[in-house]
Every structure is written in C-alpha cells, then in structure tokens.
Amino acid sequence: MAVDFSIVGKRIKDARKDKKLTQEMLAEKMSVSIAYLSKIETGKLHINLERLSEICNLLDVTEGQILNGVSNISGKYLTNEFSDLLEKCSPEQQKLIYNLAKTVYETK
C-alpha cells in the first residue's frame, strides 16, 4: 500500500491546528524552516519515519492517527471509523448494515 503524503500532510496540519500552533511555532520546535513544514503539510515532501515520529511527539498524536486517521488510544476510534463508513454508504446500504448490527447485538 502506497502512502498518500497529501493526506498525511493534511492530518499533520489538522493536528497542529488542534494544538493551536502556527507553522512558524511548529517549525521552530522542529528546527526546520516554515517552507519545509509547509511542504510536509501539502504532501510535496515525503517524510521518513524518524521525522514523522518527531512531529507526532511534538503534536501529542500517534503515528497511527497521522498515517491511518485513527487512534486506538481513544475509545471512540471505532465509532468514528464506523460513522465515516456509514456516510459513504447509500441509504439502502445503511439500512442493511443497521439490520445486521442489530441482529448481531441481539444474539449476544
């Protein structure tokens, strides 16, 4: 599976904004230029795992959150994933999924 660095960059940008950091502030913490960080956030620069780990530590997020969009640390990660999946389904598919989930739940 190929890594989509534009998605990785967007997640880094979102995590940075969640921490109320500007590009300048994060770039300073990383000892890099704002232009370098901008290229990461736009996906124009492919970062290695060491740099990703550094960014994750500074933003207090997991590598999984940045690479996959989910964190298994949060108890709600599966709920969020399920919700995102349902949004992509047609109303008929949603009803089918609901009925399947209800049946599974009721047969515990």
N, C-alpha and C. Protein backbone atom coordinates (compact mmCIF):
# COMPACT_ATOMS: atom_id res chain seq x y z
N MET A 1 0.84 -1.18 0.00
CA MET A 1 0.00 0.00 0.00
C MET A 1 0.89 1.24 0.00
N ALA A 2 0.66 2.13 -0.93
CA ALA A 2 1.43 3.36 -1.03
C ALA A 2 0.89 4.40 -0.06
N VAL A 3 1.78 5.19 0.47
CA VAL A 3 1.39 6.26 1.39
C VAL A 3 1.00 7.49 0.60
N ASP A 4 -0.16 8.04 0.89
CA ASP A 4 -0.60 9.28 0.26
C ASP A 4 -0.13 10.43 1.14
N PHE A 5 0.97 11.05 0.75
CA PHE A 5 1.58 12.07 1.58
C PHE A 5 0.75 13.35 1.66
N SER A 6 -0.16 13.56 0.72
CA SER A 6 -1.04 14.73 0.83
C SER A 6 -2.03 14.52 1.98
N ILE A 7 -2.50 13.29 2.18
CA ILE A 7 -3.40 13.01 3.31
C ILE A 7 -2.62 13.06 4.62
N VAL A 8 -1.43 12.50 4.64
CA VAL A 8 -0.58 12.55 5.83
C VAL A 8 -0.31 14.00 6.20
N GLY A 9 0.00 14.82 5.21
CA GLY A 9 0.26 16.23 5.45
C GLY A 9 -0.95 16.96 6.01
N LYS A 10 -2.12 16.65 5.49
CA LYS A 10 -3.34 17.28 5.98
C LYS A 10 -3.59 16.90 7.43
N ARG A 11 -3.36 15.64 7.76
CA ARG A 11 -3.55 15.21 9.15
C ARG A 11 -2.56 15.89 10.08
N ILE A 12 -1.33 16.08 9.62
CA ILE A 12 -0.34 16.80 10.42
C ILE A 12 -0.81 18.24 10.62
N LYS A 13 -1.27 18.87 9.56
CA LYS A 13 -1.76 20.24 9.64
C LYS A 13 -2.94 20.33 10.61
N ASP A 14 -3.88 19.41 10.52
CA ASP A 14 -5.04 19.41 11.42
C ASP A 14 -4.61 19.23 12.87
N ALA A 15 -3.66 18.32 13.11
CA ALA A 15 -3.16 18.09 14.47
C ALA A 15 -2.45 19.33 14.99
N ARG A 16 -1.70 19.99 14.12
CA ARG A 16 -1.01 21.23 14.52
C ARG A 16 -2.02 22.29 14.91
N LYS A 17 -3.06 22.45 14.11
CA LYS A 17 -4.09 23.45 14.40
C LYS A 17 -4.85 23.10 15.68
N ASP A 18 -5.09 21.81 15.90
CA ASP A 18 -5.76 21.37 17.14
C ASP A 18 -4.95 21.78 18.36
N LYS A 19 -3.64 21.81 18.22
CA LYS A 19 -2.75 22.21 19.31
C LYS A 19 -2.55 23.72 19.36
N LYS A 20 -3.26 24.43 18.47
CA LYS A 20 -3.19 25.90 18.41
C LYS A 20 -1.77 26.39 18.12
N LEU A 21 -1.09 25.65 17.24
CA LEU A 21 0.26 26.03 16.84
C LEU A 21 0.23 26.56 15.41
N THR A 22 1.01 27.58 15.15
CA THR A 22 1.19 28.07 13.79
C THR A 22 2.30 27.23 13.14
N GLN A 23 2.41 27.35 11.83
CA GLN A 23 3.51 26.67 11.15
C GLN A 23 4.84 27.16 11.70
N GLU A 24 4.91 28.45 11.95
CA GLU A 24 6.16 29.02 12.46
C GLU A 24 6.53 28.41 13.81
N MET A 25 5.55 28.25 14.68
CA MET A 25 5.81 27.70 16.01
C MET A 25 6.29 26.25 15.92
N LEU A 26 5.60 25.43 15.10
CA LEU A 26 5.99 24.03 14.97
C LEU A 26 7.34 23.90 14.27
N ALA A 27 7.55 24.70 13.24
CA ALA A 27 8.84 24.66 12.53
C ALA A 27 9.98 24.99 13.48
N GLU A 28 9.76 25.94 14.36
CA GLU A 28 10.79 26.32 15.33
C GLU A 28 11.08 25.15 16.28
N LYS A 29 10.04 24.48 16.75
CA LYS A 29 10.22 23.34 17.64
C LYS A 29 10.98 22.20 16.94
N MET A 30 10.78 22.10 15.63
CA MET A 30 11.44 21.05 14.85
C MET A 30 12.82 21.48 14.35
N SER A 31 13.14 22.74 14.51
CA SER A 31 14.39 23.30 13.98
C SER A 31 14.48 23.16 12.47
N VAL A 32 13.35 23.47 11.80
CA VAL A 32 13.30 23.47 10.34
C VAL A 32 12.68 24.78 9.88
N SER A 33 12.72 25.02 8.58
CA SER A 33 12.13 26.24 8.04
C SER A 33 10.62 26.08 7.90
N ILE A 34 9.93 27.21 7.84
CA ILE A 34 8.48 27.19 7.63
C ILE A 34 8.19 26.58 6.26
N ALA A 35 9.02 26.87 5.27
CA ALA A 35 8.83 26.33 3.93
C ALA A 35 8.91 24.80 3.94
N TYR A 36 9.84 24.26 4.72
CA TYR A 36 9.98 22.81 4.83
C TYR A 36 8.71 22.20 5.43
N LEU A 37 8.22 22.80 6.52
CA LEU A 37 7.00 22.29 7.15
C LEU A 37 5.80 22.43 6.22
N SER A 38 5.74 23.52 5.49
CA SER A 38 4.66 23.73 4.53
C SER A 38 4.65 22.62 3.48
N LYS A 39 5.82 22.24 3.01
CA LYS A 39 5.92 21.17 2.01
C LYS A 39 5.46 19.83 2.59
N ILE A 40 5.72 19.60 3.87
CA ILE A 40 5.24 18.38 4.52
C ILE A 40 3.72 18.41 4.57
N GLU A 41 3.16 19.54 5.01
CA GLU A 41 1.71 19.66 5.19
C GLU A 41 0.94 19.61 3.86
N THR A 42 1.57 19.96 2.78
CA THR A 42 0.90 19.89 1.48
C THR A 42 1.19 18.58 0.75
N GLY A 43 2.02 17.74 1.34
CA GLY A 43 2.34 16.45 0.74
C GLY A 43 3.38 16.52 -0.35
N LYS A 44 4.01 17.67 -0.52
CA LYS A 44 5.03 17.82 -1.56
C LYS A 44 6.37 17.23 -1.14
N LEU A 45 6.51 17.01 0.17
CA LEU A 45 7.76 16.45 0.70
C LEU A 45 7.42 15.16 1.43
N HIS A 46 8.08 14.09 1.06
CA HIS A 46 7.86 12.80 1.69
C HIS A 46 8.77 12.70 2.91
N ILE A 47 8.16 12.52 4.08
CA ILE A 47 8.95 12.46 5.30
C ILE A 47 9.23 11.01 5.67
N ASN A 48 10.33 10.83 6.37
CA ASN A 48 10.68 9.49 6.82
C ASN A 48 10.06 9.23 8.20
N LEU A 49 10.17 8.00 8.66
CA LEU A 49 9.54 7.63 9.93
C LEU A 49 10.13 8.37 11.12
N GLU A 50 11.40 8.67 11.06
CA GLU A 50 12.04 9.41 12.17
C GLU A 50 11.43 10.81 12.29
N ARG A 51 11.25 11.49 11.16
CA ARG A 51 10.67 12.84 11.17
C ARG A 51 9.20 12.76 11.57
N LEU A 52 8.50 11.75 11.09
CA LEU A 52 7.10 11.57 11.45
C LEU A 52 6.95 11.38 12.96
N SER A 53 7.81 10.56 13.52
CA SER A 53 7.78 10.30 14.97
C SER A 53 8.04 11.59 15.74
N GLU A 54 8.97 12.40 15.29
CA GLU A 54 9.27 13.68 15.93
C GLU A 54 8.04 14.59 15.91
N ILE A 55 7.40 14.68 14.76
CA ILE A 55 6.20 15.52 14.63
C ILE A 55 5.10 15.01 15.54
N CYS A 56 4.90 13.70 15.56
CA CYS A 56 3.85 13.11 16.41
C CYS A 56 4.11 13.40 17.88
N ASN A 57 5.36 13.29 18.30
CA ASN A 57 5.70 13.60 19.70
C ASN A 57 5.41 15.06 20.03
N LEU A 58 5.75 15.95 19.11
CA LEU A 58 5.52 17.39 19.34
C LEU A 58 4.04 17.73 19.37
N LEU A 59 3.25 17.02 18.57
CA LEU A 59 1.81 17.30 18.48
C LEU A 59 0.98 16.41 19.39
N ASP A 60 1.64 15.50 20.10
CA ASP A 60 0.98 14.60 21.03
C ASP A 60 -0.10 13.76 20.35
N VAL A 61 0.26 13.20 19.20
CA VAL A 61 -0.61 12.29 18.47
C VAL A 61 0.19 11.03 18.16
N THR A 62 -0.51 9.97 17.79
CA THR A 62 0.20 8.74 17.43
C THR A 62 0.49 8.71 15.94
N GLU A 63 1.44 7.90 15.58
CA GLU A 63 1.75 7.71 14.17
C GLU A 63 0.54 7.13 13.44
N GLY A 64 -0.21 6.28 14.13
CA GLY A 64 -1.42 5.70 13.56
C GLY A 64 -2.45 6.75 13.19
N GLN A 65 -2.57 7.76 14.05
CA GLN A 65 -3.51 8.84 13.74
C GLN A 65 -3.11 9.55 12.45
N ILE A 66 -1.83 9.78 12.28
CA ILE A 66 -1.36 10.51 11.11
C ILE A 66 -1.38 9.62 9.86
N LEU A 67 -0.95 8.38 9.99
CA LEU A 67 -0.89 7.51 8.83
C LEU A 67 -2.24 6.93 8.44
N ASN A 68 -3.05 6.57 9.43
CA ASN A 68 -4.31 5.89 9.16
C ASN A 68 -5.55 6.71 9.48
N GLY A 69 -5.37 7.80 10.19
CA GLY A 69 -6.51 8.62 10.57
C GLY A 69 -7.24 8.14 11.80
N VAL A 70 -6.71 7.14 12.48
CA VAL A 70 -7.37 6.63 13.68
C VAL A 70 -6.35 6.45 14.80
N SER A 71 -6.87 6.53 15.99
CA SER A 71 -6.06 6.27 17.16
C SER A 71 -6.75 5.22 18.00
N ASN A 72 -6.08 4.12 18.26
CA ASN A 72 -6.68 3.12 19.13
C ASN A 72 -6.53 3.49 20.59
N ILE A 73 -5.91 4.62 20.88
CA ILE A 73 -5.83 5.12 22.25
C ILE A 73 -7.19 5.66 22.66
N SER A 74 -7.84 6.31 21.75
CA SER A 74 -9.16 6.86 22.01
C SER A 74 -10.18 5.74 21.99
N GLY A 75 -11.08 5.76 22.95
CA GLY A 75 -12.13 4.76 22.99
C GLY A 75 -13.13 4.93 21.88
N LYS A 76 -13.12 6.06 21.21
CA LYS A 76 -14.10 6.35 20.17
C LYS A 76 -13.59 6.10 18.77
N TYR A 77 -12.39 5.57 18.64
CA TYR A 77 -11.84 5.43 17.29
C TYR A 77 -12.70 4.55 16.40
N LEU A 78 -13.24 3.47 16.93
CA LEU A 78 -14.06 2.58 16.12
C LEU A 78 -15.39 3.24 15.77
N THR A 79 -15.95 3.98 16.70
CA THR A 79 -17.19 4.70 16.44
C THR A 79 -16.98 5.70 15.31
N ASN A 80 -15.87 6.41 15.34
CA ASN A 80 -15.58 7.38 14.28
C ASN A 80 -15.38 6.69 12.94
N GLU A 81 -14.66 5.58 12.94
CA GLU A 81 -14.44 4.84 11.70
C GLU A 81 -15.77 4.32 11.14
N PHE A 82 -16.62 3.81 12.02
CA PHE A 82 -17.91 3.28 11.60
C PHE A 82 -18.78 4.39 11.04
N SER A 83 -18.76 5.53 11.70
CA SER A 83 -19.55 6.68 11.24
C SER A 83 -19.08 7.14 9.86
N ASP A 84 -17.77 7.21 9.67
CA ASP A 84 -17.22 7.61 8.38
C ASP A 84 -17.63 6.62 7.28
N LEU A 85 -17.61 5.34 7.62
CA LEU A 85 -18.02 4.32 6.66
C LEU A 85 -19.49 4.47 6.29
N LEU A 86 -20.34 4.68 7.28
CA LEU A 86 -21.78 4.82 7.02
C LEU A 86 -22.08 6.02 6.13
N GLU A 87 -21.34 7.10 6.31
CA GLU A 87 -21.56 8.29 5.50
C GLU A 87 -21.33 8.01 4.02
N LYS A 88 -20.48 7.05 3.72
CA LYS A 88 -20.15 6.73 2.33
C LYS A 88 -21.16 5.77 1.70
N CYS A 89 -22.03 5.21 2.53
CA CYS A 89 -23.00 4.21 2.05
C CYS A 89 -24.30 4.87 1.61
N SER A 90 -24.97 4.18 0.70
CA SER A 90 -26.31 4.62 0.28
C SER A 90 -27.29 4.36 1.42
N PRO A 91 -28.47 4.99 1.40
CA PRO A 91 -29.47 4.73 2.44
C PRO A 91 -29.83 3.24 2.54
N GLU A 92 -29.88 2.57 1.40
CA GLU A 92 -30.19 1.14 1.42
C GLU A 92 -29.08 0.35 2.12
N GLN A 93 -27.83 0.69 1.82
CA GLN A 93 -26.71 0.02 2.46
C GLN A 93 -26.70 0.30 3.96
N GLN A 94 -27.00 1.55 4.34
CA GLN A 94 -27.05 1.90 5.75
C GLN A 94 -28.10 1.07 6.49
N LYS A 95 -29.26 0.89 5.87
CA LYS A 95 -30.32 0.11 6.50
C LYS A 95 -29.88 -1.34 6.66
N LEU A 96 -29.25 -1.89 5.65
CA LEU A 96 -28.75 -3.26 5.71
C LEU A 96 -27.73 -3.40 6.84
N ILE A 97 -26.79 -2.47 6.91
CA ILE A 97 -25.77 -2.51 7.96
C ILE A 97 -26.42 -2.41 9.34
N TYR A 98 -27.39 -1.52 9.48
CA TYR A 98 -28.10 -1.37 10.75
C TYR A 98 -28.77 -2.68 11.14
N ASN A 99 -29.48 -3.30 10.20
CA ASN A 99 -30.18 -4.55 10.49
C ASN A 99 -29.21 -5.67 10.87
N LEU A 100 -28.07 -5.73 10.19
CA LEU A 100 -27.05 -6.73 10.53
C LEU A 100 -26.50 -6.48 11.93
N ALA A 101 -26.18 -5.22 12.23
CA ALA A 101 -25.63 -4.88 13.54
C ALA A 101 -26.65 -5.18 14.64
N LYS A 102 -27.89 -4.86 14.38
CA LYS A 102 -28.95 -5.12 15.37
C LYS A 102 -29.09 -6.62 15.62
N THR A 103 -29.04 -7.41 14.56
CA THR A 103 -29.14 -8.87 14.70
C THR A 103 -27.95 -9.41 15.50
N VAL A 104 -26.76 -8.94 15.20
CA VAL A 104 -25.57 -9.38 15.94
C VAL A 104 -25.70 -8.99 17.41
N TYR A 105 -26.14 -7.79 17.68
CA TYR A 105 -26.28 -7.30 19.05
C TYR A 105 -27.30 -8.15 19.83
N GLU A 106 -28.41 -8.46 19.18
CA GLU A 106 -29.49 -9.18 19.86
C GLU A 106 -29.16 -10.65 20.09
N THR A 107 -28.14 -11.19 19.42
CA THR A 107 -27.79 -12.61 19.58
C THR A 107 -26.61 -12.81 20.52
N LYS A 108 -26.30 -11.84 21.34
CA LYS A 108 -25.14 -11.97 22.25
C LYS A 108 -25.29 -13.13 23.16
